[in-house]
Amino acid sequence: MVMAAIIAGSLSSIAAADEICVLKVAKLRYEDDATCFRDPRVRDSYYAKWKFLPWNADESVYASFGGSARAHYEYTHNPSFGRAKEDKYGALLQRYTLHGDFRLGSHVRIYGEVLSAIEKGRLAGASPVDENQLAIENGFLDLSFAPTSQSVILVRTGIQEMTYGSGRLINVREGPNVRRTFNGVRVIATMPGWRIDALKVAPRSPHFGLLDDRTNRDQTLSGVYAASQDGLMPLGDLDLYVLTFEDARAVYAKQEASERRHSIGGRLHGARRGWDWDWESVYQFGAFGTSDIRAWTIASEAGFTFQQTRWSPRLALSANVASGDRDPTDGRIGTFNALFPRGNYFSEAAVVGPRNFYNLNPKLAIKPRAAWAISADIDWFWRYATHDSVYAPSGQILRGPEGSRWRDVGTSVSLSSNYQIMPSLTLTAIYSHFQAGRFLQETGPSSDIDYFEVTVNFKF
């Protein structure tokens, strides 16, 4: 009811403004582009009055407000392959956000965003990523200056969401009801052809109550992430990064110790003449207690879109591998750590995560209409190292090795539909079936998983 009232109260004014000005909504709402609301033709609309509110004559000081409302229903049959409790009628997850963006001239910005996430229907109770009554999602101060006419340096301090590159290592975690945030400092330099970020942050730990989230003082993430832009490279854009993750209370194989893990990676991605590609590789080294860390991953996807064909079908193939620990007794940890990845790493069902695996994932996507996209894919999963576990997207052990030599984890088939009713309103439906493989059948409960979701997402 709350969501219906919010949408009904806003759609008419948004529709009127959309005829001239369409809000460019970003995954991170502080990157929204609302500049078109300066247009005198939309100034008098109700929507424009709170998307662009000038406070001085030259309009260099202004405020902008917005938010979102998401209703997400999901039902999982045989969660954790029959080991976990099944929600009898599924679960309804609601998420509401409100944000304010205050520009105090060209060098100072204050941005704040609050989130309320509500869960109904979990028999086992809500998890920390299901419910958070009220939390600060973003709350930061930007100070910027231009050392040259073609470069800008920005210092961002405070609570902030972050997503880098493909989201394989650092992602806001959009799928779950509660998104991921960090607290710390970033220095962002933009110049012709490049953006370079230096960061030192700590993740925020979500809690269920009112404004009770806390910064996790046991963990820190620091490093540099550089991304080329505007087609600087012949084969697309290049990302290069060096990241250091520290955890004072890390746990591997039921042992707790301090961890210091360095990740050196590169990503090449682009599109040309119907082809698109995204290739990434990461090498990790460091120490966990007295054990050395040596881990790695290679991720790839390439596709082709038949642009002149009806419905613009896209065929793609994704192949990925992440190292596992071949010998738990050799004093070396080989399990790759995906740090802070997207929650729905392989599918919205979020069954397995990117550690100790390799997979093959062909995909097909079509667009029956400009606003309607349908996709289908099949994903085969195997264990990379047979002495290591299968992991959940959170990094927790989903199933220990149990002495099994089988690598076959399972096969997932997914079908999704995304319909953009209007620029600010989308409807998504997804079905996924995960068939347990020989490894799961040999080591414990192995019922096939069926997952279904319907999501309505409104952003303003």
Protein backbone atom coordinates (compact mmCIF):
# COMPACT_ATOMS: atom_id res chain seq x y z
CA MET A 1 0.00 0.00 0.00
CA VAL A 2 2.81 2.40 0.86
CA MET A 3 4.55 1.75 -2.43
CA ALA A 4 1.32 2.11 -4.43
CA ALA A 5 0.65 5.51 -2.84
CA ILE A 6 4.17 6.75 -3.59
CA ILE A 7 3.98 5.68 -7.23
CA ALA A 8 0.44 6.98 -7.80
CA GLY A 9 1.30 10.34 -6.26
CA SER A 10 4.32 10.87 -8.50
CA LEU A 11 3.58 9.28 -11.89
CA SER A 12 1.42 12.06 -13.34
CA SER A 13 3.95 14.83 -12.72
CA ILE A 14 6.84 12.63 -13.87
CA ALA A 15 5.01 11.71 -17.08
CA ALA A 16 4.46 15.38 -17.89
CA ALA A 17 8.12 16.25 -17.32
CA ASP A 18 9.32 13.14 -19.23
CA GLU A 19 8.00 14.62 -22.47
CA ILE A 20 10.89 17.11 -22.35
CA CYS A 21 13.31 15.85 -19.73
CA VAL A 22 14.09 12.26 -18.75
CA LEU A 23 15.97 11.71 -15.50
CA LYS A 24 19.09 9.63 -16.16
CA VAL A 25 19.05 7.24 -13.21
CA ALA A 26 22.33 5.57 -12.21
CA LYS A 27 22.92 2.45 -10.14
CA LEU A 28 24.49 4.73 -7.54
CA ARG A 29 21.91 7.47 -7.14
CA TYR A 30 24.51 10.13 -6.35
CA GLU A 31 25.61 9.73 -9.99
CA ASP A 32 22.15 10.62 -11.39
CA ASP A 33 22.13 13.23 -14.15
CA ALA A 34 19.30 15.71 -13.51
CA THR A 35 20.78 18.65 -15.41
CA CYS A 36 17.95 18.71 -17.94
CA PHE A 37 15.59 19.94 -15.20
CA ARG A 38 17.24 23.34 -15.56
CA ASP A 39 15.28 23.64 -18.81
CA PRO A 40 12.73 26.52 -18.47
CA ARG A 41 10.12 24.38 -20.25
CA VAL A 42 9.88 22.00 -17.26
CA ARG A 43 10.64 24.40 -14.43
CA ASP A 44 6.99 24.80 -13.47
CA SER A 45 6.23 21.07 -13.30
CA TYR A 46 5.78 19.59 -9.84
CA TYR A 47 8.52 17.03 -10.53
CA ALA A 48 11.11 19.61 -11.60
CA LYS A 49 10.50 21.72 -8.52
CA TRP A 50 12.14 19.14 -6.30
CA LYS A 51 14.67 17.81 -8.83
CA PHE A 52 16.24 21.26 -9.25
CA LEU A 53 15.80 23.91 -6.53
CA PRO A 54 18.16 26.90 -7.07
CA TRP A 55 19.03 28.91 -3.99
CA ASN A 56 20.81 31.88 -5.56
CA ALA A 57 20.53 34.10 -8.62
CA ASP A 58 23.13 32.39 -10.79
CA GLU A 59 21.85 28.92 -9.78
CA SER A 60 25.30 27.73 -8.66
CA VAL A 61 23.83 26.77 -5.28
CA TYR A 62 20.97 24.32 -5.55
CA ALA A 63 19.39 21.17 -4.14
CA SER A 64 17.91 18.07 -5.74
CA PHE A 65 15.76 15.41 -4.09
CA GLY A 66 14.72 11.91 -5.12
CA GLY A 67 14.24 8.37 -4.02
CA SER A 68 13.00 4.92 -4.90
CA ALA A 69 10.47 2.28 -3.91
CA ARG A 70 11.00 -1.41 -4.64
CA ALA A 71 8.65 -4.33 -3.98
CA HIS A 72 10.25 -7.74 -4.46
CA TYR A 73 8.47 -11.08 -4.03
CA GLU A 74 10.49 -14.28 -4.12
CA TYR A 75 9.82 -17.95 -3.55
CA THR A 76 12.50 -20.63 -3.22
CA HIS A 77 11.68 -24.33 -3.31
CA ASN A 78 14.28 -26.47 -1.47
CA PRO A 79 16.62 -23.65 -0.34
CA SER A 80 20.19 -24.85 0.29
CA PHE A 81 19.24 -28.04 -1.59
CA GLY A 82 16.69 -29.00 1.05
CA ARG A 83 18.80 -28.26 4.11
CA ALA A 84 17.19 -24.89 5.01
CA LYS A 85 13.61 -24.03 5.91
CA GLU A 86 11.32 -23.25 3.00
CA ASP A 87 9.13 -20.14 3.25
CA LYS A 88 5.60 -21.48 2.87
CA TYR A 89 4.27 -18.55 0.86
CA GLY A 90 7.54 -16.97 -0.20
CA ALA A 91 8.86 -13.65 1.08
CA LEU A 92 7.91 -10.06 0.33
CA LEU A 93 10.80 -7.60 0.53
CA GLN A 94 10.20 -3.86 0.37
CA ARG A 95 12.88 -1.18 0.05
CA TYR A 96 12.43 2.58 0.21
CA THR A 97 15.07 5.28 -0.20
CA LEU A 98 15.11 9.07 -0.06
CA HIS A 99 18.08 11.26 -0.98
CA GLY A 100 19.07 14.90 -0.97
CA ASP A 101 21.88 16.38 -3.07
CA PHE A 102 23.13 19.83 -2.08
CA ARG A 103 25.53 21.67 -4.41
CA LEU A 104 27.18 24.65 -2.70
CA GLY A 105 28.88 26.13 -5.73
CA SER A 106 31.24 24.24 -8.04
CA HIS A 107 33.60 22.93 -5.32
CA VAL A 108 31.45 21.72 -2.41
CA ARG A 109 28.76 19.06 -2.33
CA ILE A 110 26.84 17.36 0.48
CA TYR A 111 24.90 14.19 -0.32
CA GLY A 112 22.67 12.17 1.99
CA GLU A 113 20.49 9.10 1.44
CA VAL A 114 18.47 6.98 3.85
CA LEU A 115 17.13 3.47 3.36
CA SER A 116 14.32 1.47 4.92
CA ALA A 117 14.11 -2.25 4.13
CA ILE A 118 11.21 -4.41 5.32
CA GLU A 119 10.80 -8.22 5.18
CA LYS A 120 7.68 -10.35 5.52
CA GLY A 121 7.39 -14.12 5.21
CA ARG A 122 10.76 -15.60 6.20
CA LEU A 123 10.09 -18.64 8.41
CA ALA A 124 13.65 -18.52 9.71
CA GLY A 125 13.43 -14.77 10.28
CA ALA A 126 15.01 -11.92 8.38
CA SER A 127 18.72 -11.90 7.63
CA PRO A 128 20.86 -8.72 7.82
CA VAL A 129 20.48 -8.27 4.04
CA ASP A 130 16.68 -8.65 4.22
CA GLU A 131 15.65 -6.04 6.78
CA ASN A 132 16.95 -2.75 8.11
CA GLN A 133 14.31 -0.44 9.55
CA LEU A 134 16.27 2.76 8.90
CA ALA A 135 19.87 3.24 7.81
CA ILE A 136 22.13 5.89 6.33
CA GLU A 137 22.94 4.55 2.89
CA ASN A 138 25.05 7.50 1.81
CA GLY A 139 26.25 10.49 3.80
CA PHE A 140 29.34 12.19 2.45
CA LEU A 141 31.07 15.50 1.74
CA ASP A 142 32.73 16.24 -1.60
CA LEU A 143 35.46 18.83 -2.00
CA SER A 144 36.80 19.33 -5.53
CA PHE A 145 39.29 21.51 -7.36
CA ALA A 146 40.74 21.70 -10.87
CA PRO A 147 44.57 21.68 -10.98
CA THR A 148 44.41 22.13 -14.77
CA SER A 149 41.74 23.13 -17.27
CA GLN A 150 41.23 19.45 -18.22
CA SER A 151 41.46 17.68 -14.86
CA VAL A 152 39.50 17.59 -11.63
CA ILE A 153 40.42 16.13 -8.25
CA LEU A 154 37.62 15.27 -5.84
CA VAL A 155 37.95 14.21 -2.19
CA ARG A 156 34.93 12.26 -0.89
CA THR A 157 34.65 11.58 2.85
CA GLY A 158 31.95 9.67 4.68
CA ILE A 159 29.47 6.83 4.19
CA GLN A 160 29.22 5.84 0.52
CA GLU A 161 28.15 3.11 -1.85
CA MET A 162 30.79 1.93 -4.33
CA THR A 163 30.87 -0.09 -7.53
CA TYR A 164 33.96 -0.62 -9.65
CA GLY A 165 34.25 -2.16 -13.10
CA SER A 166 32.14 -5.26 -13.60
CA GLY A 167 31.35 -5.49 -9.89
CA ARG A 168 33.28 -8.75 -9.51
CA LEU A 169 35.28 -7.44 -6.53
CA ILE A 170 33.53 -4.27 -5.34
CA ASN A 171 29.78 -3.89 -5.80
CA VAL A 172 26.82 -2.23 -4.15
CA ARG A 173 24.97 -5.60 -3.98
CA GLU A 174 21.72 -4.54 -5.66
CA GLY A 175 19.94 -7.91 -5.57
CA PRO A 176 19.39 -8.27 -1.79
CA ASN A 177 17.04 -5.89 0.01
CA VAL A 178 19.84 -4.11 1.90
CA ARG A 179 22.59 -2.67 -0.25
CA ARG A 180 26.27 -2.59 0.74
CA THR A 181 27.93 0.59 1.98
CA PHE A 182 31.40 1.66 3.11
CA ASN A 183 32.80 4.37 5.36
CA GLY A 184 36.04 6.14 4.51
CA VAL A 185 37.84 8.38 2.07
CA ARG A 186 38.25 8.34 -1.70
CA VAL A 187 40.33 10.67 -3.85
CA ILE A 188 39.01 10.67 -7.42
CA ALA A 189 41.04 12.20 -10.24
CA THR A 190 39.53 12.63 -13.70
CA MET A 191 41.58 13.68 -16.72
CA PRO A 192 41.42 13.19 -20.48
CA GLY A 193 41.01 9.45 -21.09
CA TRP A 194 41.33 8.31 -17.46
CA ARG A 195 39.68 8.21 -14.06
CA ILE A 196 41.91 7.19 -11.13
CA ASP A 197 40.52 6.45 -7.65
CA ALA A 198 42.59 6.08 -4.50
CA LEU A 199 40.58 4.71 -1.58
CA LYS A 200 40.75 3.65 2.03
CA VAL A 201 37.42 2.44 3.39
CA ALA A 202 35.81 -0.03 5.77
CA PRO A 203 32.55 -1.92 5.13
CA ARG A 204 29.45 -1.05 7.14
CA SER A 205 27.71 -3.86 9.06
CA PRO A 206 23.90 -3.72 8.67
CA HIS A 207 21.62 -4.20 11.67
CA PHE A 208 17.85 -4.49 11.95
CA GLY A 209 16.97 -1.39 13.98
CA LEU A 210 16.86 2.38 13.58
CA LEU A 211 20.16 4.00 12.57
CA ASP A 212 22.15 1.24 14.30
CA ASP A 213 24.48 0.22 11.46
CA ARG A 214 28.15 0.33 12.41
CA THR A 215 31.46 0.47 10.59
CA ASN A 216 33.27 -2.88 10.70
CA ARG A 217 36.55 -1.94 12.39
CA ASP A 218 38.00 -5.42 11.77
CA GLN A 219 38.07 -4.97 7.98
CA THR A 220 39.63 -2.37 5.67
CA LEU A 221 39.93 -2.03 1.91
CA SER A 222 42.51 0.26 0.34
CA GLY A 223 44.17 0.70 -3.02
CA VAL A 224 44.07 2.35 -6.41
CA TYR A 225 41.63 1.71 -9.29
CA ALA A 226 42.37 3.28 -12.69
CA ALA A 227 39.92 3.11 -15.61
CA SER A 228 40.48 4.37 -19.12
CA GLN A 229 37.57 6.15 -20.78
CA ASP A 230 36.30 7.34 -24.14
CA GLY A 231 37.76 4.43 -26.11
CA LEU A 232 41.34 5.32 -25.28
CA MET A 233 42.58 1.77 -25.99
CA PRO A 234 42.34 0.04 -29.40
CA LEU A 235 40.38 -2.93 -28.02
CA GLY A 236 38.11 -0.99 -25.68
CA ASP A 237 38.55 0.43 -22.20
CA LEU A 238 41.14 -0.84 -19.74
CA ASP A 239 40.84 -1.08 -15.95
CA LEU A 240 43.94 -1.60 -13.81
CA TYR A 241 43.87 -1.92 -10.04
CA VAL A 242 45.80 -2.81 -6.91
CA LEU A 243 43.71 -3.49 -3.80
CA THR A 244 44.60 -4.53 -0.25
CA PHE A 245 42.02 -6.20 1.98
CA GLU A 246 42.68 -6.66 5.69
CA ASP A 247 40.56 -8.64 8.13
CA ALA A 248 41.59 -8.93 11.76
CA ARG A 249 39.22 -11.87 12.33
CA ALA A 250 39.14 -13.84 9.09
CA VAL A 251 38.05 -17.49 9.13
CA TYR A 252 39.25 -20.28 6.82
CA ALA A 253 38.65 -23.98 7.43
CA LYS A 254 37.23 -23.16 10.88
CA GLN A 255 40.44 -21.36 11.90
CA GLU A 256 40.49 -17.67 12.84
CA ALA A 257 43.47 -15.39 12.20
CA SER A 258 44.33 -12.01 10.72
CA GLU A 259 44.36 -11.79 6.92
CA ARG A 260 46.16 -9.38 4.63
CA ARG A 261 45.38 -10.03 0.96
CA HIS A 262 46.62 -8.04 -2.05
CA SER A 263 44.75 -8.18 -5.37
CA ILE A 264 46.37 -7.10 -8.64
CA GLY A 265 44.01 -7.10 -11.57
CA GLY A 266 43.16 -5.90 -15.05
CA ARG A 267 40.00 -5.74 -17.12
CA LEU A 268 39.50 -5.12 -20.84
CA HIS A 269 35.99 -4.42 -22.10
CA GLY A 270 34.35 -2.85 -25.10
CA ALA A 271 31.94 -3.16 -28.02
CA ARG A 272 32.35 -2.83 -31.77
CA ARG A 273 30.38 -3.82 -34.88
CA GLY A 274 27.90 -5.91 -32.93
CA TRP A 275 30.55 -7.63 -30.83
CA ASP A 276 31.01 -7.00 -27.11
CA TRP A 277 33.57 -8.39 -24.70
CA ASP A 278 34.55 -8.25 -21.03
CA TRP A 279 37.71 -10.02 -19.86
CA GLU A 280 39.23 -9.76 -16.39
CA SER A 281 42.03 -11.43 -14.45
CA VAL A 282 43.11 -11.08 -10.81
CA TYR A 283 46.09 -12.45 -8.89
CA GLN A 284 46.05 -12.47 -5.07
CA PHE A 285 48.86 -12.88 -2.56
CA GLY A 286 49.38 -12.19 1.13
CA ALA A 287 49.09 -14.00 4.44
CA PHE A 288 46.48 -15.56 6.70
CA GLY A 289 48.08 -16.04 10.10
CA THR A 290 51.24 -18.01 9.33
CA SER A 291 49.93 -19.32 5.99
CA ASP A 292 50.73 -17.76 2.62
CA ILE A 293 47.96 -16.76 0.21
CA ARG A 294 48.28 -17.50 -3.50
CA ALA A 295 45.01 -17.29 -5.43
CA TRP A 296 43.68 -16.10 -8.77
CA THR A 297 40.69 -15.81 -11.08
CA ILE A 298 40.02 -15.37 -14.80
CA ALA A 299 36.63 -14.14 -15.99
CA SER A 300 35.47 -13.72 -19.57
CA GLU A 301 32.37 -12.97 -21.58
CA ALA A 302 31.99 -12.31 -25.30
CA GLY A 303 28.81 -11.78 -27.26
CA PHE A 304 27.38 -10.74 -30.60
CA THR A 305 24.18 -8.78 -31.20
CA PHE A 306 22.37 -9.20 -34.52
CA GLN A 307 21.38 -5.56 -34.70
CA GLN A 308 19.63 -5.74 -38.07
CA THR A 309 17.58 -8.80 -37.12
CA ARG A 310 14.10 -8.65 -35.59
CA TRP A 311 14.23 -8.48 -31.78
CA SER A 312 18.03 -7.83 -31.91
CA PRO A 313 19.07 -11.25 -30.50
CA ARG A 314 22.34 -11.40 -28.60
CA LEU A 315 24.29 -14.63 -28.23
CA ALA A 316 27.05 -14.73 -25.63
CA LEU A 317 29.34 -17.13 -23.85
CA SER A 318 30.81 -16.58 -20.40
CA ALA A 319 33.61 -18.81 -19.07
CA ASN A 320 35.14 -18.25 -15.64
CA VAL A 321 37.46 -19.89 -13.15
CA ALA A 322 38.55 -19.07 -9.59
CA SER A 323 41.19 -20.98 -7.69
CA GLY A 324 40.58 -23.22 -4.69
CA ASP A 325 42.78 -24.73 -2.02
CA ARG A 326 44.30 -27.91 -3.46
CA ASP A 327 45.94 -29.04 -0.18
CA PRO A 328 44.65 -27.78 3.20
CA THR A 329 47.79 -29.08 4.95
CA ASP A 330 50.55 -27.37 2.90
CA GLY A 331 50.55 -24.02 4.74
CA ARG A 332 49.27 -22.14 1.71
CA ILE A 333 45.72 -20.90 1.03
CA GLY A 334 44.69 -21.11 -2.60
CA THR A 335 41.03 -20.10 -2.27
CA PHE A 336 40.19 -16.94 -4.19
CA ASN A 337 38.47 -14.19 -2.18
CA ALA A 338 36.01 -12.11 -4.22
CA LEU A 339 36.08 -9.39 -1.50
CA PHE A 340 32.78 -7.47 -1.86
CA PRO A 341 31.10 -8.85 -5.01
CA ARG A 342 27.57 -8.49 -6.30
CA GLY A 343 25.18 -10.72 -4.34
CA ASN A 344 23.55 -12.30 -7.38
CA TYR A 345 26.93 -13.16 -8.92
CA PHE A 346 25.71 -15.83 -11.35
CA SER A 347 21.92 -15.49 -11.14
CA GLU A 348 19.21 -13.86 -9.04
CA ALA A 349 18.79 -17.18 -7.20
CA ALA A 350 22.25 -16.56 -5.68
CA VAL A 351 23.00 -20.23 -5.03
CA VAL A 352 26.79 -20.43 -5.43
CA GLY A 353 29.57 -17.84 -5.21
CA PRO A 354 32.83 -17.14 -7.09
CA ARG A 355 35.32 -19.25 -5.10
CA ASN A 356 36.85 -22.60 -6.05
CA PHE A 357 34.88 -23.06 -9.25
CA TYR A 358 34.89 -23.04 -13.00
CA ASN A 359 31.83 -22.63 -15.15
CA LEU A 360 30.54 -22.38 -18.69
CA ASN A 361 27.55 -20.11 -19.33
CA PRO A 362 25.95 -19.63 -22.79
CA LYS A 363 23.30 -16.89 -22.98
CA LEU A 364 20.57 -15.64 -25.30
CA ALA A 365 18.84 -12.25 -25.04
CA ILE A 366 16.12 -10.71 -27.22
CA LYS A 367 14.18 -7.42 -27.26
CA PRO A 368 10.61 -7.93 -28.56
CA ARG A 369 10.08 -4.21 -27.89
CA ALA A 370 12.37 -1.30 -27.16
CA ALA A 371 11.26 -1.38 -23.50
CA TRP A 372 11.07 -5.18 -23.10
CA ALA A 373 14.08 -7.49 -22.77
CA ILE A 374 13.98 -11.28 -22.34
CA SER A 375 17.01 -13.44 -21.58
CA ALA A 376 17.72 -17.13 -21.04
CA ASP A 377 20.88 -18.92 -20.03
CA ILE A 378 22.28 -22.23 -18.84
CA ASP A 379 25.21 -22.42 -16.44
CA TRP A 380 27.32 -25.50 -15.66
CA PHE A 381 29.35 -25.37 -12.41
CA TRP A 382 32.30 -27.49 -11.26
CA ARG A 383 34.71 -27.37 -8.33
CA TYR A 384 38.24 -26.33 -9.24
CA ALA A 385 39.96 -28.08 -6.30
CA THR A 386 38.40 -31.26 -4.91
CA HIS A 387 39.88 -30.71 -1.42
CA ASP A 388 38.06 -27.38 -1.15
CA SER A 389 34.42 -26.47 -0.56
CA VAL A 390 31.56 -25.02 -2.55
CA TYR A 391 30.85 -21.48 -1.39
CA ALA A 392 27.78 -19.25 -1.19
CA PRO A 393 27.86 -15.73 -2.71
CA SER A 394 28.55 -14.35 0.79
CA GLY A 395 31.78 -16.38 0.98
CA GLN A 396 30.40 -18.77 3.59
CA ILE A 397 30.84 -22.51 3.02
CA LEU A 398 27.77 -23.94 1.31
CA ARG A 399 29.06 -27.53 1.31
CA GLY A 400 32.38 -28.89 2.60
CA PRO A 401 34.45 -31.34 0.51
CA GLU A 402 33.45 -34.33 2.70
CA GLY A 403 36.11 -36.45 1.02
CA SER A 404 34.32 -36.41 -2.33
CA ARG A 405 36.37 -36.43 -5.54
CA TRP A 406 33.49 -35.29 -7.72
CA ARG A 407 33.78 -31.83 -9.33
CA ASP A 408 30.26 -31.57 -10.78
CA VAL A 409 28.35 -29.10 -8.58
CA GLY A 410 25.28 -28.62 -10.73
CA THR A 411 23.50 -26.94 -13.61
CA SER A 412 21.42 -23.79 -13.48
CA VAL A 413 18.81 -22.73 -16.07
CA SER A 414 17.35 -19.21 -15.86
CA LEU A 415 14.73 -17.18 -17.70
CA SER A 416 14.17 -13.47 -17.06
CA SER A 417 11.94 -10.70 -18.36
CA ASN A 418 12.47 -6.98 -17.80
CA TYR A 419 9.84 -4.48 -18.92
CA GLN A 420 10.39 -0.74 -18.62
CA ILE A 421 6.85 0.57 -18.18
CA MET A 422 8.21 4.11 -18.21
CA PRO A 423 11.70 5.54 -17.61
CA SER A 424 11.12 5.58 -13.86
CA LEU A 425 9.20 2.29 -13.47
CA THR A 426 10.30 -1.27 -14.30
CA LEU A 427 8.77 -4.72 -13.86
CA THR A 428 11.03 -7.78 -13.66
CA ALA A 429 10.17 -11.49 -13.47
CA ILE A 430 12.76 -14.28 -13.12
CA TYR A 431 12.62 -18.07 -12.87
CA SER A 432 15.66 -20.23 -12.15
CA HIS A 433 16.14 -23.98 -11.69
CA PHE A 434 19.32 -25.41 -10.16
CA GLN A 435 19.85 -29.14 -10.64
CA ALA A 436 22.23 -30.65 -8.09
CA GLY A 437 25.29 -32.43 -9.49
CA ARG A 438 27.17 -35.54 -8.37
CA PHE A 439 29.23 -33.71 -5.74
CA LEU A 440 26.14 -32.42 -3.92
CA GLN A 441 24.37 -35.76 -4.27
CA GLU A 442 27.29 -37.55 -2.65
CA THR A 443 27.84 -35.15 0.27
CA GLY A 444 24.41 -34.34 1.70
CA PRO A 445 20.95 -32.96 0.83
CA SER A 446 20.72 -32.56 -2.93
CA SER A 447 17.15 -31.59 -3.81
CA ASP A 448 16.91 -29.39 -6.89
CA ILE A 449 16.25 -25.70 -6.23
CA ASP A 450 13.50 -23.71 -7.94
CA TYR A 451 13.46 -19.94 -7.58
CA PHE A 452 10.91 -17.37 -8.73
CA GLU A 453 10.79 -13.61 -8.26
CA VAL A 454 8.74 -10.61 -9.35
CA THR A 455 10.09 -7.11 -8.74
CA VAL A 456 8.55 -3.68 -9.25
CA ASN A 457 11.10 -0.87 -9.06
CA PHE A 458 10.17 2.81 -9.06
CA LYS A 459 12.80 5.56 -9.06
CA PHE A 460 12.21 9.28 -8.93
